[in-house]
Amino acid sequence: MSVYSSLTRALAQALVDVLWFVDGCEDEQMDPDDAVKVLEGVAHLMTQLSHDQRIEFIDLLGSMAAEEADPSRRAFLERFPEGFGLVEEDF
């Protein structure tokens, strides 16, 4: 049996894992320009989601943050919506 309640949850977890790694990489681990390209690419993708998709993803990130035991990862999850363009002035 899967540890994830849905495919959406599993994919969100995978995306957060990758982005948390990229965001925390030292210059020796990953070229800073490449890291910025990855982070900006995901932020652009997030802006293409519909309003309902954004709300669903923000809610999912909130539940992931509430369940997260690692304080630095929890903080990353809490900042994710604003940092990756999910939050706009009309929300």
N, C-alpha and C. Protein backbone atom coordinates (compact mmCIF):
# COMPACT_ATOMS: atom_id res chain seq x y z
N MET A 1 0.83 -1.18 0.00
CA MET A 1 0.00 0.00 0.00
C MET A 1 0.88 1.25 0.00
N SER A 2 0.49 2.24 -0.75
CA SER A 2 1.25 3.48 -0.89
C SER A 2 1.18 4.32 0.38
N VAL A 3 2.24 5.06 0.64
CA VAL A 3 2.25 5.98 1.78
C VAL A 3 1.57 7.30 1.43
N TYR A 4 1.25 7.50 0.16
CA TYR A 4 0.62 8.73 -0.30
C TYR A 4 -0.86 8.52 -0.54
N SER A 5 -1.65 9.51 -0.18
CA SER A 5 -3.10 9.40 -0.32
C SER A 5 -3.56 9.55 -1.77
N SER A 6 -2.72 10.13 -2.62
CA SER A 6 -3.09 10.33 -4.01
C SER A 6 -1.85 10.53 -4.86
N LEU A 7 -2.04 10.41 -6.16
CA LEU A 7 -0.95 10.69 -7.08
C LEU A 7 -0.53 12.15 -6.96
N THR A 8 -1.50 13.04 -6.80
CA THR A 8 -1.20 14.47 -6.65
C THR A 8 -0.29 14.70 -5.45
N ARG A 9 -0.59 14.05 -4.34
CA ARG A 9 0.25 14.19 -3.14
C ARG A 9 1.66 13.67 -3.40
N ALA A 10 1.78 12.53 -4.05
CA ALA A 10 3.09 11.96 -4.34
C ALA A 10 3.91 12.88 -5.25
N LEU A 11 3.27 13.42 -6.29
CA LEU A 11 3.98 14.31 -7.21
C LEU A 11 4.35 15.63 -6.54
N ALA A 12 3.47 16.14 -5.70
CA ALA A 12 3.78 17.37 -4.96
C ALA A 12 4.98 17.14 -4.04
N GLN A 13 5.00 16.00 -3.38
CA GLN A 13 6.11 15.67 -2.49
C GLN A 13 7.42 15.58 -3.28
N ALA A 14 7.37 14.94 -4.44
CA ALA A 14 8.56 14.82 -5.28
C ALA A 14 9.04 16.19 -5.75
N LEU A 15 8.12 17.04 -6.18
CA LEU A 15 8.48 18.38 -6.63
C LEU A 15 9.12 19.17 -5.50
N VAL A 16 8.53 19.13 -4.33
CA VAL A 16 9.08 19.85 -3.19
C VAL A 16 10.46 19.30 -2.83
N ASP A 17 10.64 17.99 -2.86
CA ASP A 17 11.94 17.39 -2.57
C ASP A 17 13.02 17.94 -3.50
N VAL A 18 12.73 17.95 -4.79
CA VAL A 18 13.70 18.42 -5.78
C VAL A 18 14.00 19.91 -5.57
N LEU A 19 12.95 20.70 -5.41
CA LEU A 19 13.15 22.15 -5.27
C LEU A 19 13.84 22.51 -3.96
N TRP A 20 13.55 21.78 -2.90
CA TRP A 20 14.23 22.03 -1.62
C TRP A 20 15.71 21.72 -1.76
N PHE A 21 16.03 20.63 -2.48
CA PHE A 21 17.44 20.29 -2.73
C PHE A 21 18.12 21.38 -3.54
N VAL A 22 17.50 21.77 -4.65
CA VAL A 22 18.09 22.79 -5.54
C VAL A 22 18.27 24.10 -4.78
N ASP A 23 17.26 24.50 -4.03
CA ASP A 23 17.31 25.76 -3.29
C ASP A 23 18.44 25.75 -2.25
N GLY A 24 18.72 24.59 -1.69
CA GLY A 24 19.74 24.51 -0.65
C GLY A 24 21.13 24.12 -1.13
N CYS A 25 21.30 23.93 -2.43
CA CYS A 25 22.59 23.52 -2.96
C CYS A 25 23.66 24.60 -2.79
N GLU A 26 24.82 24.15 -2.47
CA GLU A 26 26.00 25.03 -2.49
C GLU A 26 26.49 25.13 -3.93
N ASP A 27 27.26 26.16 -4.21
CA ASP A 27 27.76 26.38 -5.57
C ASP A 27 28.56 25.18 -6.09
N GLU A 28 29.20 24.45 -5.18
CA GLU A 28 30.01 23.30 -5.59
C GLU A 28 29.13 22.11 -5.97
N GLN A 29 27.90 22.09 -5.48
CA GLN A 29 26.99 20.98 -5.77
C GLN A 29 26.23 21.18 -7.08
N MET A 30 25.91 22.43 -7.38
CA MET A 30 25.13 22.73 -8.57
C MET A 30 25.47 24.13 -9.03
N ASP A 31 25.63 24.30 -10.31
CA ASP A 31 25.91 25.62 -10.86
C ASP A 31 24.78 26.57 -10.47
N PRO A 32 25.10 27.72 -9.88
CA PRO A 32 24.06 28.65 -9.45
C PRO A 32 23.13 29.10 -10.59
N ASP A 33 23.67 29.28 -11.78
CA ASP A 33 22.82 29.67 -12.91
C ASP A 33 21.82 28.58 -13.25
N ASP A 34 22.26 27.32 -13.19
CA ASP A 34 21.35 26.20 -13.44
C ASP A 34 20.28 26.11 -12.35
N ALA A 35 20.68 26.35 -11.11
CA ALA A 35 19.71 26.31 -10.01
C ALA A 35 18.64 27.37 -10.21
N VAL A 36 19.05 28.57 -10.59
CA VAL A 36 18.09 29.65 -10.83
C VAL A 36 17.15 29.30 -11.98
N LYS A 37 17.69 28.69 -13.03
CA LYS A 37 16.85 28.29 -14.17
C LYS A 37 15.78 27.29 -13.73
N VAL A 38 16.17 26.33 -12.91
CA VAL A 38 15.20 25.33 -12.42
C VAL A 38 14.13 26.00 -11.58
N LEU A 39 14.54 26.82 -10.62
CA LEU A 39 13.59 27.47 -9.73
C LEU A 39 12.66 28.43 -10.48
N GLU A 40 13.23 29.20 -11.40
CA GLU A 40 12.40 30.12 -12.19
C GLU A 40 11.46 29.37 -13.13
N GLY A 41 11.93 28.24 -13.67
CA GLY A 41 11.08 27.43 -14.54
C GLY A 41 9.86 26.90 -13.81
N VAL A 42 10.06 26.44 -12.60
CA VAL A 42 8.93 25.94 -11.80
C VAL A 42 8.02 27.10 -11.42
N ALA A 43 8.59 28.23 -11.06
CA ALA A 43 7.76 29.40 -10.72
C ALA A 43 6.90 29.80 -11.91
N HIS A 44 7.47 29.76 -13.11
CA HIS A 44 6.68 30.08 -14.31
C HIS A 44 5.55 29.07 -14.50
N LEU A 45 5.85 27.81 -14.33
CA LEU A 45 4.83 26.77 -14.45
C LEU A 45 3.69 27.00 -13.46
N MET A 46 4.03 27.39 -12.25
CA MET A 46 3.01 27.63 -11.23
C MET A 46 2.07 28.77 -11.64
N THR A 47 2.60 29.77 -12.34
CA THR A 47 1.75 30.88 -12.77
C THR A 47 0.78 30.45 -13.86
N GLN A 48 1.00 29.31 -14.47
CA GLN A 48 0.12 28.83 -15.53
C GLN A 48 -1.04 27.99 -15.00
N LEU A 49 -1.03 27.68 -13.71
CA LEU A 49 -2.12 26.90 -13.12
C LEU A 49 -3.38 27.76 -13.03
N SER A 50 -4.52 27.11 -13.12
CA SER A 50 -5.78 27.82 -12.94
C SER A 50 -5.92 28.24 -11.48
N HIS A 51 -6.85 29.13 -11.22
CA HIS A 51 -7.12 29.58 -9.85
C HIS A 51 -7.42 28.38 -8.94
N ASP A 52 -8.29 27.48 -9.40
CA ASP A 52 -8.66 26.31 -8.60
C ASP A 52 -7.46 25.39 -8.36
N GLN A 53 -6.62 25.22 -9.38
CA GLN A 53 -5.43 24.38 -9.22
C GLN A 53 -4.47 25.00 -8.20
N ARG A 54 -4.33 26.32 -8.25
CA ARG A 54 -3.46 26.99 -7.29
C ARG A 54 -3.97 26.80 -5.87
N ILE A 55 -5.27 26.99 -5.68
CA ILE A 55 -5.85 26.83 -4.35
C ILE A 55 -5.65 25.39 -3.86
N GLU A 56 -5.89 24.43 -4.73
CA GLU A 56 -5.70 23.02 -4.35
C GLU A 56 -4.25 22.76 -3.94
N PHE A 57 -3.30 23.30 -4.71
CA PHE A 57 -1.89 23.07 -4.41
C PHE A 57 -1.48 23.80 -3.13
N ILE A 58 -1.97 25.01 -2.93
CA ILE A 58 -1.67 25.74 -1.70
C ILE A 58 -2.19 24.98 -0.48
N ASP A 59 -3.39 24.45 -0.59
CA ASP A 59 -3.96 23.65 0.51
C ASP A 59 -3.11 22.41 0.78
N LEU A 60 -2.68 21.76 -0.28
CA LEU A 60 -1.83 20.57 -0.14
C LEU A 60 -0.50 20.92 0.52
N LEU A 61 0.10 22.02 0.09
CA LEU A 61 1.36 22.46 0.71
C LEU A 61 1.15 22.78 2.19
N GLY A 62 0.01 23.37 2.52
CA GLY A 62 -0.29 23.66 3.92
C GLY A 62 -0.38 22.41 4.76
N SER A 63 -1.03 21.37 4.23
CA SER A 63 -1.13 20.12 4.99
C SER A 63 0.23 19.43 5.08
N MET A 64 1.04 19.54 4.03
CA MET A 64 2.39 18.98 4.08
C MET A 64 3.23 19.70 5.13
N ALA A 65 3.10 21.03 5.19
CA ALA A 65 3.85 21.81 6.18
C ALA A 65 3.43 21.44 7.60
N ALA A 66 2.13 21.27 7.80
CA ALA A 66 1.62 20.93 9.13
C ALA A 66 2.14 19.58 9.61
N GLU A 67 2.40 18.67 8.68
CA GLU A 67 2.88 17.33 9.02
C GLU A 67 4.40 17.23 9.08
N GLU A 68 5.10 18.27 8.64
CA GLU A 68 6.56 18.23 8.52
C GLU A 68 7.23 18.41 9.88
N ALA A 69 8.13 17.50 10.22
CA ALA A 69 8.85 17.55 11.49
C ALA A 69 10.12 18.41 11.41
N ASP A 70 10.72 18.52 10.24
CA ASP A 70 11.96 19.29 10.06
C ASP A 70 11.60 20.78 9.95
N PRO A 71 12.06 21.60 10.90
CA PRO A 71 11.69 23.02 10.90
C PRO A 71 12.12 23.77 9.63
N SER A 72 13.29 23.47 9.09
CA SER A 72 13.72 24.19 7.89
C SER A 72 12.90 23.77 6.67
N ARG A 73 12.55 22.53 6.59
CA ARG A 73 11.71 22.07 5.48
C ARG A 73 10.29 22.61 5.64
N ARG A 74 9.79 22.65 6.88
CA ARG A 74 8.47 23.22 7.13
C ARG A 74 8.44 24.68 6.69
N ALA A 75 9.49 25.43 7.01
CA ALA A 75 9.57 26.84 6.60
C ALA A 75 9.58 26.95 5.08
N PHE A 76 10.29 26.06 4.39
CA PHE A 76 10.32 26.06 2.93
C PHE A 76 8.91 25.82 2.38
N LEU A 77 8.21 24.87 2.95
CA LEU A 77 6.84 24.58 2.51
C LEU A 77 5.92 25.77 2.75
N GLU A 78 6.10 26.44 3.86
CA GLU A 78 5.25 27.59 4.19
C GLU A 78 5.53 28.77 3.26
N ARG A 79 6.77 28.92 2.81
CA ARG A 79 7.14 30.00 1.89
C ARG A 79 6.85 29.67 0.43
N PHE A 80 6.66 28.40 0.14
CA PHE A 80 6.52 27.92 -1.24
C PHE A 80 5.46 28.69 -2.04
N PRO A 81 4.24 28.85 -1.55
CA PRO A 81 3.22 29.51 -2.37
C PRO A 81 3.62 30.90 -2.85
N GLU A 82 4.17 31.68 -1.97
CA GLU A 82 4.58 33.03 -2.38
C GLU A 82 5.85 32.99 -3.23
N GLY A 83 6.79 32.15 -2.84
CA GLY A 83 8.07 32.09 -3.55
C GLY A 83 7.99 31.55 -4.95
N PHE A 84 6.99 30.75 -5.23
CA PHE A 84 6.88 30.13 -6.55
C PHE A 84 5.66 30.63 -7.33
N GLY A 85 5.16 31.78 -6.96
CA GLY A 85 4.14 32.44 -7.77
C GLY A 85 2.73 31.90 -7.67
N LEU A 86 2.43 31.17 -6.61
CA LEU A 86 1.07 30.65 -6.44
C LEU A 86 0.12 31.68 -5.85
N VAL A 87 0.68 32.68 -5.17
CA VAL A 87 -0.13 33.69 -4.52
C VAL A 87 -0.07 34.98 -5.34
N GLU A 88 -1.25 35.48 -5.65
CA GLU A 88 -1.36 36.75 -6.36
C GLU A 88 -2.20 37.69 -5.52
N GLU A 89 -2.19 38.96 -5.89
CA GLU A 89 -2.96 39.94 -5.13
C GLU A 89 -4.44 39.65 -5.09
N ASP A 90 -5.00 38.97 -6.11
CA ASP A 90 -6.43 38.72 -6.14
C ASP A 90 -6.85 37.54 -5.30
N PHE A 91 -5.91 36.84 -4.62
CA PHE A 91 -6.27 35.71 -3.76
C PHE A 91 -6.61 36.22 -2.42
